Amino acid sequence: MLKLNLLGVMRQRGITNAAKYLVKNGFSYHRVNRLLRHEQDSISYKNLERLCLLLNCTPDDLFVWQKPNDLKVSEDHPLQKLLAKAEDVECVAKNCRSCRWRNWNN
């Protein structure tokens, strides 16, 4: 499953308050909350482009991949470079119940 890792990218760029930064740059508070808590299952091309322009990155910088346990994927598959560990993906809420990254089997 592909997920956005906005907090990780923003931390790499020295942005300490991700929510404030995104709202200040035109994203609604509701959208920011959903994006940072991993509660949004999709993102529009328009918003993806806005994030890339704002963070000076490409889409592959924003995404991490969790390989489903029941899926066989070759070691040389391009998605392997996006493979993430649970500790690599950040969530705004500590022990967030809605954050599916905290429970890798969801």
Protein backbone atom coordinates (compact mmCIF):
# COMPACT_ATOMS: atom_id res chain seq x y z
CA MET A 1 0.00 0.00 0.00
CA LEU A 2 1.33 3.43 -0.91
CA LYS A 3 1.14 6.19 1.70
CA LEU A 4 2.24 9.79 1.93
CA ASN A 5 5.05 10.49 4.36
CA LEU A 6 4.64 14.26 4.56
CA LEU A 7 6.06 14.65 8.05
CA GLY A 8 9.25 12.85 7.10
CA VAL A 9 9.78 14.99 4.00
CA MET A 10 8.96 18.18 5.88
CA ARG A 11 11.32 17.28 8.70
CA GLN A 12 14.10 16.74 6.14
CA ARG A 13 13.43 20.27 4.89
CA GLY A 14 13.54 21.81 8.35
CA ILE A 15 9.79 22.40 8.66
CA THR A 16 8.92 21.86 12.32
CA ASN A 17 5.20 22.67 12.31
CA ALA A 18 3.80 20.79 9.31
CA ALA A 19 0.14 21.64 9.88
CA LYS A 20 0.77 25.36 10.26
CA TYR A 21 3.04 25.39 7.20
CA LEU A 22 0.51 23.62 4.97
CA VAL A 23 -2.42 25.77 6.11
CA LYS A 24 -0.33 28.92 5.62
CA ASN A 25 0.36 27.75 2.06
CA GLY A 26 -3.26 27.24 1.04
CA PHE A 27 -4.35 23.81 2.26
CA SER A 28 -7.49 23.67 4.37
CA TYR A 29 -7.12 22.67 8.01
CA HIS A 30 -9.43 19.69 7.44
CA ARG A 31 -7.35 18.38 4.51
CA VAL A 32 -4.09 18.92 6.40
CA ASN A 33 -5.43 17.01 9.39
CA ARG A 34 -6.48 14.07 7.20
CA LEU A 35 -3.19 14.04 5.28
CA LEU A 36 -0.98 14.15 8.37
CA ARG A 37 -2.98 11.48 10.20
CA HIS A 38 -2.97 9.13 7.17
CA GLU A 39 -6.77 9.24 7.05
CA GLN A 40 -7.00 10.15 3.37
CA ASP A 41 -7.08 7.22 0.97
CA SER A 42 -6.47 9.27 -2.17
CA ILE A 43 -4.97 12.54 -3.30
CA SER A 44 -5.77 14.54 -6.41
CA TYR A 45 -3.12 15.31 -9.01
CA LYS A 46 -3.70 18.98 -8.24
CA ASN A 47 -2.87 18.55 -4.54
CA LEU A 48 0.03 16.23 -5.28
CA GLU A 49 1.46 18.84 -7.61
CA ARG A 50 0.91 21.58 -5.00
CA LEU A 51 2.81 19.55 -2.41
CA CYS A 52 5.67 18.84 -4.82
CA LEU A 53 6.00 22.52 -5.75
CA LEU A 54 5.75 23.62 -2.13
CA LEU A 55 8.29 21.08 -0.86
CA ASN A 56 10.56 21.20 -3.92
CA CYS A 57 10.31 17.46 -4.52
CA THR A 58 8.88 14.81 -6.82
CA PRO A 59 5.97 12.45 -6.04
CA ASP A 60 8.30 9.55 -5.30
CA ASP A 61 9.88 11.65 -2.52
CA LEU A 62 6.47 11.91 -0.84
CA PHE A 63 5.45 8.26 -0.96
CA VAL A 64 6.46 5.20 1.00
CA TRP A 65 5.31 1.67 0.28
CA GLN A 66 4.23 -1.10 2.58
CA LYS A 67 4.36 -4.46 0.82
CA PRO A 68 1.32 -6.57 1.67
CA ASN A 69 2.28 -9.82 3.40
CA ASP A 70 0.41 -11.93 0.86
CA LEU A 71 1.99 -10.30 -2.22
CA LYS A 72 5.13 -11.62 -3.87
CA VAL A 73 7.18 -8.83 -5.41
CA SER A 74 10.58 -9.32 -7.01
CA GLU A 75 13.55 -7.72 -5.28
CA ASP A 76 14.29 -5.61 -8.36
CA HIS A 77 10.77 -4.17 -8.65
CA PRO A 78 10.85 -0.33 -8.70
CA LEU A 79 8.49 -0.11 -5.71
CA GLN A 80 11.18 -1.69 -3.53
CA LYS A 81 12.98 1.68 -3.36
CA LEU A 82 9.90 3.12 -1.63
CA LEU A 83 9.71 0.29 0.90
CA ALA A 84 9.20 1.64 4.39
CA LYS A 85 9.50 0.37 7.90
CA ALA A 86 6.92 1.36 10.49
CA GLU A 87 9.42 3.61 12.26
CA ASP A 88 10.13 5.48 9.00
CA VAL A 89 6.57 6.76 8.69
CA GLU A 90 5.54 9.57 10.96
CA CYS A 91 2.08 10.45 12.17
CA VAL A 92 1.04 13.67 13.89
CA ALA A 93 -0.75 11.82 16.66
CA LYS A 94 1.12 9.66 19.13
CA ASN A 95 -0.60 6.26 19.36
CA CYS A 96 -3.08 7.39 16.71
CA ARG A 97 -5.90 4.85 16.63
CA SER A 98 -6.91 5.78 13.11
CA CYS A 99 -3.38 5.62 11.73
CA ARG A 100 -3.14 2.35 9.86
CA TRP A 101 0.65 2.58 9.87
CA ARG A 102 0.67 1.72 13.57
CA ASN A 103 -0.86 -1.64 12.80
CA TRP A 104 0.84 -3.13 9.74
CA ASN A 105 -1.81 -5.82 9.28
CA ASN A 106 -4.69 -3.43 8.42
